[in-house]
PDB file of N, CA and C in Angstrom:
ATOM      1  N   MET A   1       0.850  -1.170   0.000  1.00  0.00           N
ATOM      2  CA  MET A   1       0.000   0.000   0.000  1.00  0.00           C
ATOM      3  C   MET A   1       0.901   1.241   0.000  1.00  0.00           C
ATOM      4  N   VAL A   2       0.636   2.146  -0.920  1.00  0.00           N
ATOM      5  CA  VAL A   2       1.418   3.370  -1.060  1.00  0.00           C
ATOM      6  C   VAL A   2       0.573   4.537  -0.571  1.00  0.00           C
ATOM      7  N   GLN A   3       1.181   5.415   0.206  1.00  0.00           N
ATOM      8  CA  GLN A   3       0.450   6.552   0.741  1.00  0.00           C
ATOM      9  C   GLN A   3       0.908   7.859   0.111  1.00  0.00           C
ATOM     10  N   CYS A   4      -0.047   8.752  -0.070  1.00  0.00           N
ATOM     11  CA  CYS A   4       0.198  10.109  -0.558  1.00  0.00           C
ATOM     12  C   CYS A   4       0.875  10.909   0.554  1.00  0.00           C
ATOM     13  N   TRP A   5       1.378  12.084   0.194  1.00  0.00           N
ATOM     14  CA  TRP A   5       1.996  12.972   1.185  1.00  0.00           C
ATOM     15  C   TRP A   5       1.004  13.349   2.280  1.00  0.00           C
ATOM     16  N   CYS A   6      -0.282  13.365   1.936  1.00  0.00           N
ATOM     17  CA  CYS A   6      -1.306  13.760   2.909  1.00  0.00           C
ATOM     18  C   CYS A   6      -1.707  12.613   3.835  1.00  0.00           C
ATOM     19  N   GLY A   7      -1.176  11.411   3.575  1.00  0.00           N
ATOM     20  CA  GLY A   7      -1.480  10.266   4.422  1.00  0.00           C
ATOM     21  C   GLY A   7      -2.554   9.347   3.870  1.00  0.00           C
ATOM     22  N   GLN A   8      -3.247   9.771   2.819  1.00  0.00           N
ATOM     23  CA  GLN A   8      -4.274   8.938   2.201  1.00  0.00           C
ATOM     24  C   GLN A   8      -3.631   7.869   1.315  1.00  0.00           C
ATOM     25  N   THR A   9      -4.342   6.791   1.091  1.00  0.00           N
ATOM     26  CA  THR A   9      -3.842   5.728   0.228  1.00  0.00           C
ATOM     27  C   THR A   9      -3.927   6.158  -1.227  1.00  0.00           C
ATOM     28  N   ALA A  10      -2.801   6.074  -1.936  1.00  0.00           N
ATOM     29  CA  ALA A  10      -2.769   6.417  -3.362  1.00  0.00           C
ATOM     30  C   ALA A  10      -3.429   5.290  -4.155  1.00  0.00           C
ATOM     31  N   VAL A  11      -4.059   5.644  -5.264  1.00  0.00           N
ATOM     32  CA  VAL A  11      -4.721   4.657  -6.116  1.00  0.00           C
ATOM     33  C   VAL A  11      -3.872   4.401  -7.353  1.00  0.00           C
ATOM     34  N   VAL A  12      -4.028   3.222  -7.940  1.00  0.00           N
ATOM     35  CA  VAL A  12      -3.305   2.886  -9.164  1.00  0.00           C
ATOM     36  C   VAL A  12      -4.101   3.416 -10.350  1.00  0.00           C
ATOM     37  N   LEU A  13      -3.456   4.245 -11.164  1.00  0.00           N
ATOM     38  CA  LEU A  13      -4.055   4.829 -12.358  1.00  0.00           C
ATOM     39  C   LEU A  13      -3.239   4.395 -13.568  1.00  0.00           C
ATOM     40  N   THR A  14      -3.723   4.687 -14.765  1.00  0.00           N
ATOM     41  CA  THR A  14      -3.008   4.333 -15.988  1.00  0.00           C
ATOM     42  C   THR A  14      -2.764   5.579 -16.809  1.00  0.00           C
ATOM     43  N   SER A  15      -1.528   5.765 -17.237  1.00  0.00           N
ATOM     44  CA  SER A  15      -1.160   6.892 -18.094  1.00  0.00           C
ATOM     45  C   SER A  15      -1.540   6.574 -19.533  1.00  0.00           C
ATOM     46  N   TRP A  16      -2.138   7.532 -20.239  1.00  0.00           N
ATOM     47  CA  TRP A  16      -2.488   7.355 -21.652  1.00  0.00           C
ATOM     48  C   TRP A  16      -1.786   8.385 -22.516  1.00  0.00           C
ATOM     49  N   THR A  17      -0.634   8.886 -22.053  1.00  0.00           N
ATOM     50  CA  THR A  17       0.145   9.824 -22.857  1.00  0.00           C
ATOM     51  C   THR A  17       0.974   9.061 -23.885  1.00  0.00           C
ATOM     52  N   ASN A  18       1.420   9.747 -24.933  1.00  0.00           N
ATOM     53  CA  ASN A  18       2.263   9.096 -25.935  1.00  0.00           C
ATOM     54  C   ASN A  18       3.595   8.650 -25.343  1.00  0.00           C
ATOM     55  N   ARG A  19       4.071   9.363 -24.367  1.00  0.00           N
ATOM     56  CA  ARG A  19       5.369   9.037 -23.770  1.00  0.00           C
ATOM     57  C   ARG A  19       5.302   7.823 -22.840  1.00  0.00           C
ATOM     58  N   ASN A  20       4.170   7.627 -22.177  1.00  0.00           N
ATOM     59  CA  ASN A  20       4.005   6.519 -21.226  1.00  0.00           C
ATOM     60  C   ASN A  20       2.674   5.803 -21.428  1.00  0.00           C
ATOM     61  N   PRO A  21       2.401   5.306 -22.627  1.00  0.00           N
ATOM     62  CA  PRO A  21       1.095   4.696 -22.892  1.00  0.00           C
ATOM     63  C   PRO A  21       0.898   3.408 -22.102  1.00  0.00           C
ATOM     64  N   GLY A  22      -0.191   3.368 -21.370  1.00  0.00           N
ATOM     65  CA  GLY A  22      -0.530   2.165 -20.630  1.00  0.00           C
ATOM     66  C   GLY A  22       0.289   1.932 -19.378  1.00  0.00           C
ATOM     67  N   ARG A  23       1.175   2.854 -19.058  1.00  0.00           N
ATOM     68  CA  ARG A  23       2.016   2.667 -17.874  1.00  0.00           C
ATOM     69  C   ARG A  23       1.225   3.034 -16.624  1.00  0.00           C
ATOM     70  N   ARG A  24       1.312   2.183 -15.632  1.00  0.00           N
ATOM     71  CA  ARG A  24       0.548   2.384 -14.409  1.00  0.00           C
ATOM     72  C   ARG A  24       1.347   3.185 -13.381  1.00  0.00           C
ATOM     73  N   PHE A  25       0.616   3.924 -12.561  1.00  0.00           N
ATOM     74  CA  PHE A  25       1.265   4.729 -11.521  1.00  0.00           C
ATOM     75  C   PHE A  25       0.325   4.923 -10.346  1.00  0.00           C
ATOM     76  N   TYR A  26       0.920   5.197  -9.191  1.00  0.00           N
ATOM     77  CA  TYR A  26       0.146   5.566  -8.018  1.00  0.00           C
ATOM     78  C   TYR A  26      -0.078   7.065  -8.078  1.00  0.00           C
ATOM     79  N   GLY A  27      -1.293   7.496  -7.781  1.00  0.00           N
ATOM     80  CA  GLY A  27      -1.561   8.916  -7.784  1.00  0.00           C
ATOM     81  C   GLY A  27      -2.604   9.303  -6.753  1.00  0.00           C
ATOM     82  N   TYR A  28      -2.410  10.467  -6.168  1.00  0.00           N
ATOM     83  CA  TYR A  28      -3.366  11.049  -5.233  1.00  0.00           C
ATOM     84  C   TYR A  28      -2.881  12.454  -4.943  1.00  0.00           C
ATOM     85  N   CYS A  29      -3.779  13.414  -4.840  1.00  0.00           N
ATOM     86  CA  CYS A  29      -3.402  14.824  -4.655  1.00  0.00           C
ATOM     87  C   CYS A  29      -2.340  15.188  -5.700  1.00  0.00           C
ATOM     88  N   ASP A  30      -1.201  15.707  -5.251  1.00  0.00           N
ATOM     89  CA  ASP A  30      -0.085  16.027  -6.146  1.00  0.00           C
ATOM     90  C   ASP A  30       0.968  14.922  -6.153  1.00  0.00           C
ATOM     91  N   PHE A  31       0.662  13.786  -5.560  1.00  0.00           N
ATOM     92  CA  PHE A  31       1.602  12.678  -5.439  1.00  0.00           C
ATOM     93  C   PHE A  31       1.540  11.789  -6.673  1.00  0.00           C
ATOM     94  N   ILE A  32       2.711  11.369  -7.164  1.00  0.00           N
ATOM     95  CA  ILE A  32       2.794  10.402  -8.258  1.00  0.00           C
ATOM     96  C   ILE A  32       4.031   9.534  -8.049  1.00  0.00           C
ATOM     97  N   ASP A  33       3.866   8.243  -8.276  1.00  0.00           N
ATOM     98  CA  ASP A  33       4.982   7.303  -8.194  1.00  0.00           C
ATOM     99  C   ASP A  33       4.665   6.161  -9.149  1.00  0.00           C
ATOM    100  N   TRP A  34       5.617   5.784  -9.983  1.00  0.00           N
ATOM    101  CA  TRP A  34       5.376   4.734 -10.967  1.00  0.00           C
ATOM    102  C   TRP A  34       5.134   3.398 -10.287  1.00  0.00           C
ATOM    103  N   TYR A  35       4.182   2.675 -10.828  1.00  0.00           N
ATOM    104  CA  TYR A  35       3.864   1.321 -10.399  1.00  0.00           C
ATOM    105  C   TYR A  35       4.502   0.402 -11.424  1.00  0.00           C
ATOM    106  N   ASP A  36       5.715  -0.031 -11.155  1.00  0.00           N
ATOM    107  CA  ASP A  36       6.456  -0.852 -12.103  1.00  0.00           C
ATOM    108  C   ASP A  36       6.199  -2.324 -11.839  1.00  0.00           C
ATOM    109  N   PRO A  37       6.388  -3.208 -12.768  1.00  0.00           N
ATOM    110  CA  PRO A  37       7.145  -3.048 -13.999  1.00  0.00           C
ATOM    111  C   PRO A  37       6.311  -2.397 -15.091  1.00  0.00           C
ATOM    112  N   PRO A  38       6.981  -1.762 -16.057  1.00  0.00           N
ATOM    113  CA  PRO A  38       6.259  -1.177 -17.183  1.00  0.00           C
ATOM    114  C   PRO A  38       5.625  -2.272 -18.037  1.00  0.00           C
ATOM    115  N   MET A  39       4.749  -1.869 -18.923  1.00  0.00           N
ATOM    116  CA  MET A  39       4.077  -2.816 -19.809  1.00  0.00           C
ATOM    117  C   MET A  39       5.097  -3.507 -20.710  1.00  0.00           C
ATOM    118  N   CYS A  40       4.719  -4.660 -21.233  1.00  0.00           N
ATOM    119  CA  CYS A  40       5.607  -5.382 -22.143  1.00  0.00           C
ATOM    120  C   CYS A  40       5.792  -4.580 -23.437  1.00  0.00           C
ATOM    121  N   ALA A  41       6.852  -4.895 -24.172  1.00  0.00           N
ATOM    122  CA  ALA A  41       7.204  -4.145 -25.387  1.00  0.00           C
ATOM    123  C   ALA A  41       6.070  -4.164 -26.407  1.00  0.00           C
ATOM    124  N   ARG A  42       5.394  -5.285 -26.554  1.00  0.00           N
ATOM    125  CA  ARG A  42       4.301  -5.368 -27.532  1.00  0.00           C
ATOM    126  C   ARG A  42       3.165  -4.416 -27.157  1.00  0.00           C
ATOM    127  N   SER A  43       2.814  -4.368 -25.905  1.00  0.00           N
ATOM    128  CA  SER A  43       1.761  -3.451 -25.463  1.00  0.00           C
ATOM    129  C   SER A  43       2.157  -2.004 -25.711  1.00  0.00           C
ATOM    130  N   VAL A  44       3.405  -1.679 -25.411  1.00  0.00           N
ATOM    131  CA  VAL A  44       3.891  -0.312 -25.611  1.00  0.00           C
ATOM    132  C   VAL A  44       3.835   0.070 -27.084  1.00  0.00           C
ATOM    133  N   SER A  45       4.070  -0.886 -27.985  1.00  0.00           N
ATOM    134  CA  SER A  45       4.033  -0.565 -29.414  1.00  0.00           C
ATOM    135  C   SER A  45       2.606  -0.513 -29.956  1.00  0.00           C
ATOM    136  N   ILE A  46       1.685  -1.259 -29.371  1.00  0.00           N
ATOM    137  CA  ILE A  46       0.311  -1.326 -29.873  1.00  0.00           C
ATOM    138  C   ILE A  46      -0.577  -0.225 -29.300  1.00  0.00           C
ATOM    139  N   ILE A  47      -0.436   0.087 -28.034  1.00  0.00           N
ATOM    140  CA  ILE A  47      -1.354   1.007 -27.358  1.00  0.00           C
ATOM    141  C   ILE A  47      -1.426   2.387 -28.006  1.00  0.00           C
ATOM    142  N   PRO A  48      -0.312   3.025 -28.424  1.00  0.00           N
ATOM    143  CA  PRO A  48      -0.452   4.349 -29.047  1.00  0.00           C
ATOM    144  C   PRO A  48      -1.338   4.336 -30.296  1.00  0.00           C
ATOM    145  N   GLY A  49      -1.226   3.309 -31.130  1.00  0.00           N
ATOM    146  CA  GLY A  49      -2.078   3.206 -32.314  1.00  0.00           C
ATOM    147  C   GLY A  49      -3.538   3.026 -31.940  1.00  0.00           C
ATOM    148  N   LEU A  50      -3.794   2.207 -30.944  1.00  0.00           N
ATOM    149  CA  LEU A  50      -5.166   2.017 -30.477  1.00  0.00           C
ATOM    150  C   LEU A  50      -5.728   3.313 -29.902  1.00  0.00           C
ATOM    151  N   LEU A  51      -4.897   4.033 -29.180  1.00  0.00           N
ATOM    152  CA  LEU A  51      -5.329   5.305 -28.604  1.00  0.00           C
ATOM    153  C   LEU A  51      -5.634   6.327 -29.696  1.00  0.00           C
ATOM    154  N   ARG A  52      -4.789   6.396 -30.742  1.00  0.00           N
ATOM    155  CA  ARG A  52      -5.060   7.304 -31.862  1.00  0.00           C
ATOM    156  C   ARG A  52      -6.357   6.919 -32.568  1.00  0.00           C
ATOM    157  N   ALA A  53      -6.575   5.619 -32.782  1.00  0.00           N
ATOM    158  CA  ALA A  53      -7.804   5.156 -33.435  1.00  0.00           C
ATOM    159  C   ALA A  53      -9.023   5.499 -32.588  1.00  0.00           C
ATOM    160  N   ARG A  54      -8.918   5.302 -31.295  1.00  0.00           N
ATOM    161  CA  ARG A  54     -10.026   5.626 -30.400  1.00  0.00           C
ATOM    162  C   ARG A  54     -10.334   7.121 -30.430  1.00  0.00           C
ATOM    163  N   ASN A  55      -9.292   7.944 -30.427  1.00  0.00           N
ATOM    164  CA  ASN A  55      -9.488   9.393 -30.478  1.00  0.00           C
ATOM    165  C   ASN A  55     -10.109   9.827 -31.801  1.00  0.00           C
ATOM    166  N   ALA A  56      -9.723   9.180 -32.909  1.00  0.00           N
ATOM    167  CA  ALA A  56     -10.304   9.496 -34.218  1.00  0.00           C
ATOM    168  C   ALA A  56     -11.779   9.124 -34.245  1.00  0.00           C
ATOM    169  N   ILE A  57     -12.113   7.974 -33.692  1.00  0.00           N
ATOM    170  CA  ILE A  57     -13.517   7.551 -33.630  1.00  0.00           C
ATOM    171  C   ILE A  57     -14.315   8.523 -32.769  1.00  0.00           C
ATOM    172  N   GLN A  58     -13.740   8.941 -31.642  1.00  0.00           N
ATOM    173  CA  GLN A  58     -14.430   9.895 -30.769  1.00  0.00           C
ATOM    174  C   GLN A  58     -14.656  11.222 -31.482  1.00  0.00           C
ATOM    175  N   ALA A  59     -13.677  11.689 -32.249  1.00  0.00           N
ATOM    176  CA  ALA A  59     -13.823  12.941 -32.999  1.00  0.00           C
ATOM    177  C   ALA A  59     -14.930  12.815 -34.040  1.00  0.00           C
ATOM    178  N   THR A  60     -14.992  11.679 -34.732  1.00  0.00           N
ATOM    179  CA  THR A  60     -16.052  11.444 -35.716  1.00  0.00           C
ATOM    180  C   THR A  60     -17.414  11.426 -35.035  1.00  0.00           C
ATOM    181  N   LEU A  61     -17.503  10.767 -33.896  1.00  0.00           N
ATOM    182  CA  LEU A  61     -18.754  10.723 -33.145  1.00  0.00           C
ATOM    183  C   LEU A  61     -19.173  12.123 -32.708  1.00  0.00           C
ATOM    184  N   ASP A  62     -18.228  12.905 -32.211  1.00  0.00           N
ATOM    185  CA  ASP A  62     -18.531  14.277 -31.795  1.00  0.00           C
ATOM    186  C   ASP A  62     -19.034  15.109 -32.973  1.00  0.00           C
ATOM    187  N   ASP A  63     -18.378  14.976 -34.136  1.00  0.00           N
ATOM    188  CA  ASP A  63     -18.801  15.702 -35.338  1.00  0.00           C
ATOM    189  C   ASP A  63     -20.201  15.278 -35.770  1.00  0.00           C
ATOM    190  N   THR A  64     -20.472  13.976 -35.708  1.00  0.00           N
ATOM    191  CA  THR A  64     -21.782  13.459 -36.099  1.00  0.00           C
ATOM    192  C   THR A  64     -22.862  13.966 -35.159  1.00  0.00           C
ATOM    193  N   ARG A  65     -22.582  13.945 -33.868  1.00  0.00           N
ATOM    194  CA  ARG A  65     -23.562  14.456 -32.899  1.00  0.00           C
ATOM    195  C   ARG A  65     -23.848  15.932 -33.145  1.00  0.00           C
ATOM    196  N   LEU A  66     -22.813  16.695 -33.462  1.00  0.00           N
ATOM    197  CA  LEU A  66     -22.990  18.113 -33.742  1.00  0.00           C
ATOM    198  C   LEU A  66     -23.839  18.304 -34.995  1.00  0.00           C
ATOM    199  N   ALA A  67     -23.548  17.541 -36.050  1.00  0.00           N
ATOM    200  CA  ALA A  67     -24.306  17.654 -37.300  1.00  0.00           C
ATOM    201  C   ALA A  67     -25.762  17.262 -37.099  1.00  0.00           C
ATOM    202  N   VAL A  68     -26.002  16.187 -36.379  1.00  0.00           N
ATOM    203  CA  VAL A  68     -27.375  15.745 -36.123  1.00  0.00           C
ATOM    204  C   VAL A  68     -28.089  16.767 -35.254  1.00  0.00           C
ATOM    205  N   GLY A  69     -27.401  17.294 -34.273  1.00  0.00           N
ATOM    206  CA  GLY A  69     -28.004  18.311 -33.415  1.00  0.00           C
ATOM    207  C   GLY A  69     -28.384  19.549 -34.197  1.00  0.00           C
ATOM    208  N   ASN A  70     -27.549  19.964 -35.149  1.00  0.00           N
ATOM    209  CA  ASN A  70     -27.859  21.120 -35.984  1.00  0.00           C
ATOM    210  C   ASN A  70     -29.058  20.844 -36.870  1.00  0.00           C
ATOM    211  N   ARG A  71     -29.142  19.623 -37.411  1.00  0.00           N
ATOM    212  CA  ARG A  71     -30.276  19.278 -38.280  1.00  0.00           C
ATOM    213  C   ARG A  71     -31.568  19.239 -37.486  1.00  0.00           C
ATOM    214  N   VAL A  72     -31.516  18.718 -36.277  1.00  0.00           N
ATOM    215  CA  VAL A  72     -32.716  18.662 -35.444  1.00  0.00           C
ATOM    216  C   VAL A  72     -33.158  20.077 -35.104  1.00  0.00           C
ATOM    217  N   GLY A  73     -32.218  20.950 -34.823  1.00  0.00           N
ATOM    218  CA  GLY A  73     -32.540  22.336 -34.511  1.00  0.00           C
ATOM    219  C   GLY A  73     -33.155  23.067 -35.691  1.00  0.00           C
ATOM    220  N   ASP A  74     -32.784  22.664 -36.923  1.00  0.00           N
ATOM    221  CA  ASP A  74     -33.329  23.275 -38.135  1.00  0.00           C
ATOM    222  C   ASP A  74     -34.641  22.636 -38.559  1.00  0.00           C
ATOM    223  N   GLY A  75     -35.086  21.607 -37.862  1.00  0.00           N
ATOM    224  CA  GLY A  75     -36.317  20.920 -38.235  1.00  0.00           C
ATOM    225  C   GLY A  75     -36.129  19.998 -39.424  1.00  0.00           C
ATOM    226  N   PHE A  76     -34.908  19.500 -39.624  1.00  0.00           N
ATOM    227  CA  PHE A  76     -34.524  18.632 -40.740  1.00  0.00           C
ATOM    228  C   PHE A  76     -34.708  19.415 -41.983  1.00  0.00           C
TER     229      PHE A  76
END
């Protein structure tokens, strides 16, 4: 069990940045400490592509929702 500077138990989170994709860490308040070992090499190589694909799908969904919302507002 890892504790934050404030004395609370830190939780395990996952980083989704390009620099540390899928890497787990303890975090709470302003506290951060890596939860090692890092992901295997295959995961590190695959996760950024999956994350980019997910973000592209989310952008398309957001655009579609906006377009549909505009059409509904115009009465089709």
